[in-house]
C-alpha atoms as a PDB file:
ATOM      1  CA  UNK A   1       8.532   2.476 -46.739  1.00  0.00           C
ATOM      2  CA  UNK A   2       8.726   0.391 -49.937  1.00  0.00           C
ATOM      3  CA  UNK A   3      10.936   1.656 -52.738  1.00  0.00           C
ATOM      4  CA  UNK A   4       9.506   2.669 -56.095  1.00  0.00           C
ATOM      5  CA  UNK A   5      11.029  -0.449 -57.676  1.00  0.00           C
ATOM      6  CA  UNK A   6       9.338  -2.646 -55.060  1.00  0.00           C
ATOM      7  CA  UNK A   7       5.989  -0.931 -55.528  1.00  0.00           C
ATOM      8  CA  UNK A   8       6.044  -1.335 -59.304  1.00  0.00           C
ATOM      9  CA  UNK A   9       7.171  -4.969 -59.133  1.00  0.00           C
ATOM     10  CA  UNK A  10       4.510  -5.820 -56.545  1.00  0.00           C
ATOM     11  CA  UNK A  11       1.754  -4.457 -58.790  1.00  0.00           C
ATOM     12  CA  UNK A  12       3.118  -6.431 -61.758  1.00  0.00           C
ATOM     13  CA  UNK A  13       3.321  -9.666 -59.758  1.00  0.00           C
ATOM     14  CA  UNK A  14      -0.142  -9.185 -58.250  1.00  0.00           C
ATOM     15  CA  UNK A  15      -1.503  -8.666 -61.769  1.00  0.00           C
ATOM     16  CA  UNK A  16       0.174 -11.921 -62.907  1.00  0.00           C
ATOM     17  CA  UNK A  17      -1.428 -13.752 -59.985  1.00  0.00           C
ATOM     18  CA  UNK A  18      -4.799 -12.190 -60.703  1.00  0.00           C
ATOM     19  CA  UNK A  19      -4.591 -13.120 -64.390  1.00  0.00           C
ATOM     20  CA  UNK A  20      -4.041 -16.728 -63.296  1.00  0.00           C
ATOM     21  CA  UNK A  21      -7.085 -16.539 -60.979  1.00  0.00           C
ATOM     22  CA  UNK A  22      -4.891 -17.066 -57.912  1.00  0.00           C
ATOM     23  CA  UNK A  23      -6.168 -15.519 -54.674  1.00  0.00           C
ATOM     24  CA  UNK A  24      -3.731 -13.205 -52.901  1.00  0.00           C
ATOM     25  CA  UNK A  25      -3.968 -14.084 -49.214  1.00  0.00           C
ATOM     26  CA  UNK A  26      -1.129 -12.089 -47.638  1.00  0.00           C
ATOM     27  CA  UNK A  27       0.514  -8.860 -48.794  1.00  0.00           C
ATOM     28  CA  UNK A  28       2.990  -7.492 -46.254  1.00  0.00           C
ATOM     29  CA  UNK A  29       5.876  -5.041 -46.100  1.00  0.00           C
ATOM     30  CA  UNK A  30       8.501  -6.035 -43.543  1.00  0.00           C
ATOM     31  CA  UNK A  31      10.259  -2.880 -42.351  1.00  0.00           C
ATOM     32  CA  UNK A  32      13.076  -4.840 -40.674  1.00  0.00           C
ATOM     33  CA  UNK A  33      14.204  -6.708 -43.788  1.00  0.00           C
ATOM     34  CA  UNK A  34      12.764  -4.042 -46.137  1.00  0.00           C
ATOM     35  CA  UNK A  35      11.047  -6.671 -48.286  1.00  0.00           C
ATOM     36  CA  UNK A  36       7.526  -7.194 -49.562  1.00  0.00           C
ATOM     37  CA  UNK A  37       6.049 -10.651 -49.000  1.00  0.00           C
ATOM     38  CA  UNK A  38       3.121 -11.953 -51.057  1.00  0.00           C
ATOM     39  CA  UNK A  39       1.460 -15.284 -50.291  1.00  0.00           C
ATOM     40  CA  UNK A  40      -1.039 -16.573 -52.827  1.00  0.00           C
ATOM     41  CA  UNK A  41      -2.840 -19.624 -54.174  1.00  0.00           C
ATOM     42  CA  UNK A  42      -5.727 -21.741 -53.028  1.00  0.00           C
ATOM     43  CA  UNK A  43      -3.548 -23.539 -50.466  1.00  0.00           C
ATOM     44  CA  UNK A  44      -1.038 -20.711 -49.922  1.00  0.00           C
ATOM     45  CA  UNK A  45       1.401 -22.586 -52.165  1.00  0.00           C
ATOM     46  CA  UNK A  46       2.946 -19.500 -53.758  1.00  0.00           C
ATOM     47  CA  UNK A  47       5.282 -17.183 -51.876  1.00  0.00           C
ATOM     48  CA  UNK A  48       6.982 -14.177 -53.458  1.00  0.00           C
ATOM     49  CA  UNK A  49       9.610 -11.977 -51.834  1.00  0.00           C
ATOM     50  CA  UNK A  50      10.383  -8.614 -53.417  1.00  0.00           C
ATOM     51  CA  UNK A  51      13.672  -6.957 -52.489  1.00  0.00           C
ATOM     52  CA  UNK A  52      14.517  -3.227 -52.344  1.00  0.00           C
ATOM     53  CA  UNK A  53      15.966  -3.149 -55.865  1.00  0.00           C
ATOM     54  CA  UNK A  54      12.820  -4.715 -57.378  1.00  0.00           C
ATOM     55  CA  UNK A  55      14.285  -8.169 -57.855  1.00  0.00           C
ATOM     56  CA  UNK A  56      12.165 -10.974 -56.506  1.00  0.00           C
ATOM     57  CA  UNK A  57      12.284 -14.618 -55.521  1.00  0.00           C
ATOM     58  CA  UNK A  58       9.625 -17.294 -55.916  1.00  0.00           C
ATOM     59  CA  UNK A  59       9.271 -19.907 -53.201  1.00  0.00           C
ATOM     60  CA  UNK A  60       6.969 -22.815 -53.894  1.00  0.00           C
ATOM     61  CA  UNK A  61       5.603 -24.042 -50.572  1.00  0.00           C
END
């Protein structure tokens, strides 16, 4: 189950993507690593990983 910090950060990041007219193609919670993964962009070029404490990492693909 995602933490409250993860849930809040995921909504904020999805709003940022939406404001930039970027499609969100994958939104997944990984119960093994306890992270949220968001893949976005026309060519899936944006990857975001949100950790339990709400911190996140951007990976340009």
